[in-house]
Amino acid sequence: MQAIHLIIQGKVQGVGYRRWFEQQAIQLGLKGFVRNLETGEVEAIIVEKEAIVRKMIQLSRTGPQRAKVTAIHQQSLNLQDADFQDFKVLTED
C-alpha cells in the first residue's frame, strides 16, 4: 500500500475537477479525499497499491474536459498518517 499527498495546479477549480477526481478514485478503489484550496489548487490524498496510485496520478494530469492541469506535486506519506475508510470530496473550511 502507498499513500501520496497531491497538490494539483492549473485550471482545476470551477471545472468539475473534484467530482471527476472522486469518480475516478472510487472506480479504482482508492481511499482518501480531494478538496479545493484557497490558493486555487486542488489537494488530494490517495491510498492504495502502488500501481493503482500511479494510474490515478496519470489520470489526474488530464482531468475532466474543462480542466487544464499545469503541475502535480507529489509527496509520500506514512501509511499510519493516512488511515481512510473510503474516498470523499471535502468542502473548504
C-alpha atoms as a PDB file:
ATOM      1  CA  MET A   1       0.000   0.000   0.000  1.00  0.00           C
ATOM      2  CA  GLN A   2       1.097   3.530  -0.755  1.00  0.00           C
ATOM      3  CA  ALA A   3      -0.160   6.927   0.455  1.00  0.00           C
ATOM      4  CA  ILE A   4       0.509  10.042  -1.625  1.00  0.00           C
ATOM      5  CA  HIS A   5      -0.306  13.711  -0.990  1.00  0.00           C
ATOM      6  CA  LEU A   6      -1.028  15.630  -4.209  1.00  0.00           C
ATOM      7  CA  ILE A   7      -1.271  19.329  -4.987  1.00  0.00           C
ATOM      8  CA  ILE A   8      -2.777  19.806  -8.443  1.00  0.00           C
ATOM      9  CA  GLN A   9      -2.227  23.174 -10.109  1.00  0.00           C
ATOM     10  CA  GLY A  10      -3.745  24.858 -13.138  1.00  0.00           C
ATOM     11  CA  LYS A  11      -7.354  25.488 -14.116  1.00  0.00           C
ATOM     12  CA  VAL A  12      -8.738  22.953 -11.644  1.00  0.00           C
ATOM     13  CA  GLN A  13     -11.449  24.856  -9.760  1.00  0.00           C
ATOM     14  CA  GLY A  14     -14.872  25.638 -11.195  1.00  0.00           C
ATOM     15  CA  VAL A  15     -14.475  22.952 -13.867  1.00  0.00           C
ATOM     16  CA  GLY A  16     -15.775  19.850 -12.056  1.00  0.00           C
ATOM     17  CA  TYR A  17     -12.307  18.572 -11.204  1.00  0.00           C
ATOM     18  CA  ARG A  18     -13.095  17.380  -7.659  1.00  0.00           C
ATOM     19  CA  ARG A  19     -16.188  15.399  -8.696  1.00  0.00           C
ATOM     20  CA  TRP A  20     -14.318  13.915 -11.635  1.00  0.00           C
ATOM     21  CA  PHE A  21     -11.404  13.007  -9.328  1.00  0.00           C
ATOM     22  CA  GLU A  22     -13.835  11.386  -6.875  1.00  0.00           C
ATOM     23  CA  GLN A  23     -15.430   9.279  -9.630  1.00  0.00           C
ATOM     24  CA  GLN A  24     -12.037   8.066 -10.868  1.00  0.00           C
ATOM     25  CA  ALA A  25     -10.837   7.335  -7.330  1.00  0.00           C
ATOM     26  CA  ILE A  26     -13.936   5.314  -6.466  1.00  0.00           C
ATOM     27  CA  GLN A  27     -13.689   3.320  -9.711  1.00  0.00           C
ATOM     28  CA  LEU A  28     -10.069   2.469  -8.870  1.00  0.00           C
ATOM     29  CA  GLY A  29     -10.906   1.593  -5.255  1.00  0.00           C
ATOM     30  CA  LEU A  30      -8.799   4.369  -3.729  1.00  0.00           C
ATOM     31  CA  LYS A  31      -9.218   5.703  -0.227  1.00  0.00           C
ATOM     32  CA  GLY A  32      -8.584   9.314   0.808  1.00  0.00           C
ATOM     33  CA  PHE A  33     -10.006  12.701  -0.126  1.00  0.00           C
ATOM     34  CA  VAL A  34      -9.921  15.592  -2.575  1.00  0.00           C
ATOM     35  CA  ARG A  35     -10.647  19.271  -1.837  1.00  0.00           C
ATOM     36  CA  ASN A  36     -10.192  22.790  -3.183  1.00  0.00           C
ATOM     37  CA  LEU A  37      -7.598  25.055  -1.609  1.00  0.00           C
ATOM     38  CA  GLU A  38      -7.926  28.824  -1.227  1.00  0.00           C
ATOM     39  CA  THR A  39      -4.847  29.149  -3.465  1.00  0.00           C
ATOM     40  CA  GLY A  40      -6.834  27.895  -6.482  1.00  0.00           C
ATOM     41  CA  GLU A  41      -5.198  24.481  -6.340  1.00  0.00           C
ATOM     42  CA  VAL A  42      -6.739  21.092  -5.576  1.00  0.00           C
ATOM     43  CA  GLU A  43      -5.357  18.918  -2.791  1.00  0.00           C
ATOM     44  CA  ALA A  44      -5.783  15.147  -2.577  1.00  0.00           C
ATOM     45  CA  ILE A  45      -4.534  12.254  -0.521  1.00  0.00           C
ATOM     46  CA  ILE A  46      -4.838   8.867  -2.193  1.00  0.00           C
ATOM     47  CA  VAL A  47      -4.137   5.462  -0.672  1.00  0.00           C
ATOM     48  CA  GLU A  48      -3.962   2.088  -2.431  1.00  0.00           C
ATOM     49  CA  LYS A  49      -1.487  -0.305  -4.068  1.00  0.00           C
ATOM     50  CA  GLU A  50       1.372   1.483  -5.830  1.00  0.00           C
ATOM     51  CA  ALA A  51       0.249   0.612  -9.379  1.00  0.00           C
ATOM     52  CA  ILE A  52      -3.251   1.967  -8.733  1.00  0.00           C
ATOM     53  CA  VAL A  53      -1.889   5.155  -7.146  1.00  0.00           C
ATOM     54  CA  ARG A  54       0.352   5.674 -10.197  1.00  0.00           C
ATOM     55  CA  LYS A  55      -2.634   5.189 -12.518  1.00  0.00           C
ATOM     56  CA  MET A  56      -4.661   7.819 -10.613  1.00  0.00           C
ATOM     57  CA  ILE A  57      -1.789  10.292 -10.773  1.00  0.00           C
ATOM     58  CA  GLN A  58      -1.556   9.731 -14.532  1.00  0.00           C
ATOM     59  CA  LEU A  59      -5.316  10.258 -14.971  1.00  0.00           C
ATOM     60  CA  SER A  60      -5.088  13.401 -12.817  1.00  0.00           C
ATOM     61  CA  ARG A  61      -2.747  15.034 -15.325  1.00  0.00           C
ATOM     62  CA  THR A  62      -5.648  15.278 -17.783  1.00  0.00           C
ATOM     63  CA  GLY A  63      -8.713  15.639 -15.569  1.00  0.00           C
ATOM     64  CA  PRO A  64     -12.176  16.487 -16.892  1.00  0.00           C
ATOM     65  CA  GLN A  65     -12.669  18.196 -20.241  1.00  0.00           C
ATOM     66  CA  ARG A  66     -12.699  21.812 -18.978  1.00  0.00           C
ATOM     67  CA  ALA A  67      -9.663  21.415 -16.704  1.00  0.00           C
ATOM     68  CA  LYS A  68      -6.103  22.341 -17.628  1.00  0.00           C
ATOM     69  CA  VAL A  69      -3.582  20.800 -15.246  1.00  0.00           C
ATOM     70  CA  THR A  70      -0.201  22.543 -15.318  1.00  0.00           C
ATOM     71  CA  ALA A  71       1.586  20.686 -12.488  1.00  0.00           C
ATOM     72  CA  ILE A  72       1.109  17.959  -9.900  1.00  0.00           C
ATOM     73  CA  HIS A  73       3.296  17.999  -6.806  1.00  0.00           C
ATOM     74  CA  GLN A  74       3.588  14.662  -5.002  1.00  0.00           C
ATOM     75  CA  GLN A  75       4.777  13.712  -1.548  1.00  0.00           C
ATOM     76  CA  SER A  76       4.812  10.240   0.003  1.00  0.00           C
ATOM     77  CA  LEU A  77       3.044   9.897   3.334  1.00  0.00           C
ATOM     78  CA  ASN A  78       3.385   7.460   6.200  1.00  0.00           C
ATOM     79  CA  LEU A  79       0.514   4.973   5.964  1.00  0.00           C
ATOM     80  CA  GLN A  80      -0.294   5.497   9.654  1.00  0.00           C
ATOM     81  CA  ASP A  81      -0.995   9.158   8.838  1.00  0.00           C
ATOM     82  CA  ALA A  82      -3.374   8.178   6.022  1.00  0.00           C
ATOM     83  CA  ASP A  83      -5.959   5.942   7.685  1.00  0.00           C
ATOM     84  CA  PHE A  84      -9.043   6.410   5.489  1.00  0.00           C
ATOM     85  CA  GLN A  85     -12.080   4.126   5.198  1.00  0.00           C
ATOM     86  CA  ASP A  86     -13.352   5.439   1.852  1.00  0.00           C
ATOM     87  CA  PHE A  87     -12.900   8.268  -0.660  1.00  0.00           C
ATOM     88  CA  LYS A  88     -14.722  11.579  -0.387  1.00  0.00           C
ATOM     89  CA  VAL A  89     -14.824  15.188  -1.516  1.00  0.00           C
ATOM     90  CA  LEU A  90     -14.134  17.538   1.376  1.00  0.00           C
ATOM     91  CA  THR A  91     -15.617  21.019   1.410  1.00  0.00           C
ATOM     92  CA  GLU A  92     -13.490  24.070   2.028  1.00  0.00           C
ATOM     93  CA  ASP A  93     -13.164  25.168   5.637  1.00  0.00           C
END
